[in-house]
Amino acid sequence: MKFRLKNRAIFFLANLLAFTSWGCHLSSSSDDPDMIAGPLEIVLDDKYAGFLKVASSGRFVFMGTNSEDALAKERPLMKAKFSYDFSIGKSEVTCGSFRSLMDRGNCDGDDLPVVNVSYYDAVLYCNALSKRFGLDSVYSYSSASFGEDGYCDYLEGLVFNPEREGIRLPTESEWMLVAAQDWLSGTGWTMENSDGTLHPVCSIGSVSSSASVCDMKGNAMEWVNDWMGSFREHSVSDFVGAQDGGSQGIRVVKGGEFSK
């Protein structure tokens, strides 16, 4: 069923990209043979500029909550385990990067996050960046529909091909694993300090660390790859969200943003 995305709010971002299979291995902790103790290892990806390698194999992140006050879609608390490693973009996709590949994108500066883009624009950008790196296209489709503003409204026959090595949007669990590293101690561009506007990427917080992902706590929210779905009461390995959009057809967005 076709649907047009209505949520093109300025803080929804075609952002943080990832691809899998790096083959790293770390020893397991003694209290849980499936898990790894200690801080998450994130290092510069020396093969792909602008990306960081995340040693996620054997790690986990908690998603959701058991709070009775939470919305149904936020329950229950689920442990999401990883059996693979992946790389992720260091920053939100900038307007300059987006326009260099897509020939569209309205913004006030090339170093600002690109915003007001649809999920489908994010998919097309991922495919374009895969082509630039000489990688496979992770997303396939039969035709594309564009609105009068030049942005993509729909991709007919869209198929996600996770077995291909290329650029894609991160899963919600991948995003949360990385964001959890400094969420409580980190800072971000929010309504408290942003003056109600976007800021250049990596201009606050862990900017001094070359192996830190910027702006997950603020500036612009980010598209992830998953359909909105239910969490599980048991642990899940390599969680990828719902199989399809169901009756609502909602894609997940994550992160803080400058006006909240």
Protein backbone atom coordinates (compact mmCIF):
# COMPACT_ATOMS: atom_id res chain seq x y z
CA MET A 1 0.00 0.00 0.00
CA LYS A 2 1.34 3.41 -0.93
CA PHE A 3 1.58 6.13 1.66
CA ARG A 4 3.08 9.59 1.73
CA LEU A 5 5.24 10.59 4.64
CA LYS A 6 3.67 13.46 6.52
CA ASN A 7 6.31 13.84 9.22
CA ARG A 8 8.85 16.02 7.48
CA ALA A 9 9.53 18.06 10.57
CA ILE A 10 12.78 19.96 10.44
CA PHE A 11 14.46 17.71 12.97
CA PHE A 12 13.85 14.42 11.15
CA LEU A 13 17.18 13.59 9.59
CA ALA A 14 18.47 11.19 6.99
CA ASN A 15 21.38 10.35 9.13
CA LEU A 16 23.84 7.97 10.74
CA LEU A 17 24.75 5.27 8.26
CA ALA A 18 26.07 1.82 8.96
CA PHE A 19 27.26 -1.35 7.35
CA THR A 20 28.08 -4.70 8.89
CA SER A 21 30.61 -7.53 9.08
CA TRP A 22 33.98 -6.44 10.38
CA GLY A 23 34.99 -9.73 12.00
CA CYS A 24 36.35 -8.38 15.28
CA HIS A 25 36.42 -10.68 18.31
CA LEU A 26 36.56 -9.93 22.02
CA SER A 27 36.57 -12.30 24.99
CA SER A 28 33.35 -12.86 26.97
CA SER A 29 32.67 -11.85 30.55
CA SER A 30 32.51 -14.54 33.21
CA ASP A 31 29.02 -13.74 34.54
CA ASP A 32 27.29 -13.99 31.15
CA PRO A 33 29.00 -16.23 28.57
CA ASP A 34 27.20 -14.42 25.72
CA MET A 35 28.22 -10.92 26.74
CA ILE A 36 31.41 -8.84 26.81
CA ALA A 37 32.42 -6.74 29.79
CA GLY A 38 34.02 -3.31 29.71
CA PRO A 39 33.47 -0.17 27.61
CA LEU A 40 32.45 -0.45 23.98
CA GLU A 41 35.37 -0.17 21.58
CA ILE A 42 34.81 2.46 18.88
CA VAL A 43 37.72 3.39 16.60
CA LEU A 44 38.25 5.29 13.37
CA ASP A 45 37.47 3.33 10.23
CA ASP A 46 40.66 3.62 8.20
CA LYS A 47 38.96 2.33 5.04
CA TYR A 48 35.92 4.62 4.82
CA ALA A 49 36.31 8.30 5.62
CA GLY A 50 33.79 9.69 8.08
CA PHE A 51 32.95 6.31 9.61
CA LEU A 52 33.78 4.66 12.94
CA LYS A 53 34.13 0.92 13.61
CA VAL A 54 31.97 -0.38 16.46
CA ALA A 55 33.06 -3.67 18.10
CA SER A 56 29.47 -4.68 18.88
CA SER A 57 29.81 -8.46 18.56
CA GLY A 58 28.93 -10.05 21.90
CA ARG A 59 27.46 -6.80 23.25
CA PHE A 60 23.91 -5.90 24.16
CA VAL A 61 21.73 -2.88 24.78
CA PHE A 62 18.44 -2.56 26.65
CA MET A 63 15.52 -1.21 24.65
CA GLY A 64 12.11 -0.16 25.95
CA THR A 65 10.94 -0.12 29.55
CA ASN A 66 8.75 -1.97 32.04
CA SER A 67 7.30 1.25 33.43
CA GLU A 68 3.50 1.14 33.63
CA ASP A 69 3.44 4.85 32.74
CA ALA A 70 5.12 4.26 29.39
CA LEU A 71 3.28 4.00 26.08
CA ALA A 72 2.44 0.52 24.87
CA LYS A 73 4.93 0.86 21.99
CA GLU A 74 7.71 1.48 24.54
CA ARG A 75 7.14 -1.73 26.52
CA PRO A 76 8.45 -4.17 27.63
CA LEU A 77 12.15 -3.89 28.51
CA MET A 78 14.11 -6.00 26.00
CA LYS A 79 17.75 -7.03 25.80
CA ALA A 80 19.03 -6.74 22.22
CA LYS A 81 22.18 -8.79 21.60
CA PHE A 82 24.67 -8.38 18.75
CA SER A 83 26.48 -11.17 16.89
CA TYR A 84 28.26 -8.85 14.45
CA ASP A 85 30.30 -5.65 14.27
CA PHE A 86 29.41 -2.61 12.19
CA SER A 87 30.61 0.84 11.18
CA ILE A 88 28.62 4.02 11.68
CA GLY A 89 28.89 7.60 10.47
CA LYS A 90 30.64 9.91 12.94
CA SER A 91 28.16 12.73 12.43
CA GLU A 92 24.73 13.58 11.19
CA VAL A 93 24.75 13.79 7.41
CA THR A 94 25.57 17.36 6.51
CA CYS A 95 23.70 19.42 3.98
CA GLY A 96 26.88 19.72 1.93
CA SER A 97 27.34 15.94 1.78
CA PHE A 98 23.70 15.36 0.91
CA ARG A 99 23.65 17.96 -1.86
CA SER A 100 26.91 16.67 -3.34
CA LEU A 101 25.24 13.32 -4.07
CA MET A 102 21.55 14.16 -4.40
CA ASP A 103 21.56 17.61 -6.05
CA ARG A 104 18.90 18.86 -3.63
CA GLY A 105 18.58 19.91 -0.01
CA ASN A 106 17.69 23.31 1.39
CA CYS A 107 19.79 24.59 4.28
CA ASP A 108 21.69 27.62 5.52
CA GLY A 109 25.15 26.03 5.58
CA ASP A 110 27.01 22.99 4.28
CA ASP A 111 28.16 21.99 7.78
CA LEU A 112 24.61 21.89 9.21
CA PRO A 113 22.66 18.61 9.40
CA VAL A 114 20.45 18.03 6.38
CA VAL A 115 16.83 18.12 7.56
CA ASN A 116 13.27 18.04 6.24
CA VAL A 117 14.00 14.89 4.25
CA SER A 118 11.89 11.75 3.98
CA TYR A 119 12.86 8.20 4.85
CA TYR A 120 13.01 7.53 1.11
CA ASP A 121 15.46 10.39 0.60
CA ALA A 122 17.62 8.74 3.26
CA VAL A 123 17.47 5.43 1.38
CA LEU A 124 18.44 7.07 -1.92
CA TYR A 125 21.33 8.85 -0.22
CA CYS A 126 22.57 5.56 1.24
CA ASN A 127 22.55 3.95 -2.22
CA ALA A 128 24.36 6.94 -3.71
CA LEU A 129 27.05 6.81 -1.01
CA SER A 130 27.44 3.05 -1.52
CA LYS A 131 28.08 3.73 -5.22
CA ARG A 132 30.68 6.39 -4.34
CA PHE A 133 32.52 3.88 -2.12
CA GLY A 134 32.29 1.12 -4.75
CA LEU A 135 29.93 -0.97 -2.59
CA ASP A 136 26.64 -2.73 -3.29
CA SER A 137 23.29 -0.94 -3.05
CA VAL A 138 21.57 -2.27 0.07
CA TYR A 139 18.16 -0.96 -1.02
CA SER A 140 16.45 -1.91 -4.28
CA TYR A 141 13.21 -0.55 -5.76
CA SER A 142 11.33 -0.45 -9.06
CA SER A 143 10.43 3.24 -9.31
CA ALA A 144 10.58 6.51 -7.36
CA SER A 145 7.98 9.26 -6.87
CA PHE A 146 8.97 12.84 -6.09
CA GLY A 147 6.93 15.77 -4.79
CA GLU A 148 6.89 19.31 -6.15
CA ASP A 149 9.60 20.21 -3.63
CA GLY A 150 11.96 17.68 -5.21
CA TYR A 151 12.02 15.28 -2.27
CA CYS A 152 11.16 11.60 -2.58
CA ASP A 153 7.64 10.67 -1.47
CA TYR A 154 7.70 6.95 -2.22
CA LEU A 155 9.85 4.11 -3.55
CA GLU A 156 7.75 1.48 -5.28
CA GLY A 157 8.82 -2.11 -4.55
CA LEU A 158 11.36 -1.06 -1.89
CA VAL A 159 13.38 -4.03 -0.64
CA PHE A 160 16.02 -3.98 2.09
CA ASN A 161 18.87 -6.41 1.30
CA PRO A 162 20.86 -6.80 4.54
CA GLU A 163 23.11 -9.49 3.07
CA ARG A 164 24.78 -6.92 0.81
CA GLU A 165 27.80 -4.99 2.05
CA GLY A 166 26.98 -1.36 1.55
CA ILE A 167 25.70 1.79 3.21
CA ARG A 168 22.35 1.68 5.00
CA LEU A 169 20.53 3.37 7.84
CA PRO A 170 21.37 1.91 11.26
CA THR A 171 18.89 -0.27 13.08
CA GLU A 172 17.29 1.13 16.20
CA SER A 173 19.34 -1.24 18.36
CA GLU A 174 22.60 -0.18 16.68
CA TRP A 175 21.72 3.47 17.22
CA MET A 176 20.90 2.85 20.88
CA LEU A 177 24.07 0.85 21.53
CA VAL A 178 26.24 3.72 20.31
CA ALA A 179 24.13 6.47 21.93
CA ALA A 180 24.23 4.72 25.31
CA GLN A 181 27.99 5.24 25.57
CA ASP A 182 27.74 8.86 26.74
CA TRP A 183 24.04 9.71 26.85
CA LEU A 184 23.94 10.48 30.58
CA SER A 185 27.22 12.38 30.72
CA GLY A 186 27.17 13.91 27.27
CA THR A 187 25.78 17.25 26.12
CA GLY A 188 23.85 18.24 23.04
CA TRP A 189 22.12 21.09 21.26
CA THR A 190 18.68 21.19 22.91
CA MET A 191 16.08 23.87 23.71
CA GLU A 192 18.22 24.81 26.72
CA ASN A 193 21.22 26.01 24.71
CA SER A 194 20.45 25.96 20.97
CA ASP A 195 18.71 29.35 20.66
CA GLY A 196 16.05 27.49 18.70
CA THR A 197 18.22 26.61 15.74
CA LEU A 198 20.38 23.88 14.24
CA HIS A 199 24.14 24.00 14.76
CA PRO A 200 27.08 22.65 12.74
CA VAL A 201 27.66 18.94 13.31
CA CYS A 202 30.16 17.90 15.98
CA SER A 203 30.22 21.37 17.55
CA ILE A 204 29.32 20.32 21.10
CA GLY A 205 29.90 17.43 23.50
CA SER A 206 32.49 14.80 22.61
CA VAL A 207 33.85 16.80 19.71
CA SER A 208 37.40 16.44 21.09
CA SER A 209 37.33 12.67 20.63
CA SER A 210 37.93 11.51 17.08
CA ALA A 211 36.25 8.17 17.89
CA SER A 212 32.95 9.54 19.21
CA VAL A 213 29.66 9.85 17.36
CA CYS A 214 28.34 13.42 17.50
CA ASP A 215 24.91 14.93 18.15
CA MET A 216 22.95 11.83 19.09
CA LYS A 217 21.58 13.69 22.11
CA GLY A 218 20.54 16.82 20.25
CA ASN A 219 20.70 19.02 17.14
CA ALA A 220 18.55 16.90 14.76
CA MET A 221 16.71 13.63 15.22
CA GLU A 222 17.74 10.69 13.04
CA TRP A 223 15.97 8.22 10.80
CA VAL A 224 16.80 4.58 11.51
CA ASN A 225 16.01 1.61 9.31
CA ASP A 226 13.35 -0.11 11.43
CA TRP A 227 9.61 -0.20 11.12
CA MET A 228 7.86 0.63 14.38
CA GLY A 229 7.01 -2.63 16.16
CA SER A 230 6.74 -4.31 19.54
CA PHE A 231 9.62 -5.19 21.83
CA ARG A 232 9.88 -8.72 23.26
CA GLU A 233 9.88 -9.98 26.82
CA HIS A 234 12.88 -12.18 26.09
CA SER A 235 16.35 -11.41 24.74
CA VAL A 236 16.62 -10.97 20.97
CA SER A 237 19.72 -11.34 18.81
CA ASP A 238 20.35 -8.87 15.98
CA PHE A 239 17.03 -7.04 16.41
CA VAL A 240 15.77 -5.33 13.24
CA GLY A 241 12.29 -4.12 14.22
CA ALA A 242 8.99 -5.22 12.73
CA GLN A 243 8.90 -7.16 9.43
CA ASP A 244 6.68 -4.55 7.79
CA GLY A 245 4.81 -1.37 8.56
CA GLY A 246 1.50 -3.05 9.40
CA SER A 247 -1.56 -0.81 9.41
CA GLN A 248 0.32 2.31 10.57
CA GLY A 249 3.44 2.18 8.42
CA ILE A 250 5.65 4.15 10.81
CA ARG A 251 9.43 4.25 10.58
CA VAL A 252 11.45 4.83 13.74
CA VAL A 253 13.28 8.07 14.46
CA LYS A 254 15.74 8.48 17.31
CA GLY A 255 17.65 11.08 19.26
CA GLY A 256 17.21 14.45 20.86
CA GLU A 257 16.80 17.67 18.89
CA PHE A 258 17.37 21.37 19.20
CA SER A 259 13.82 22.41 20.10
CA LYS A 260 13.18 19.94 22.94
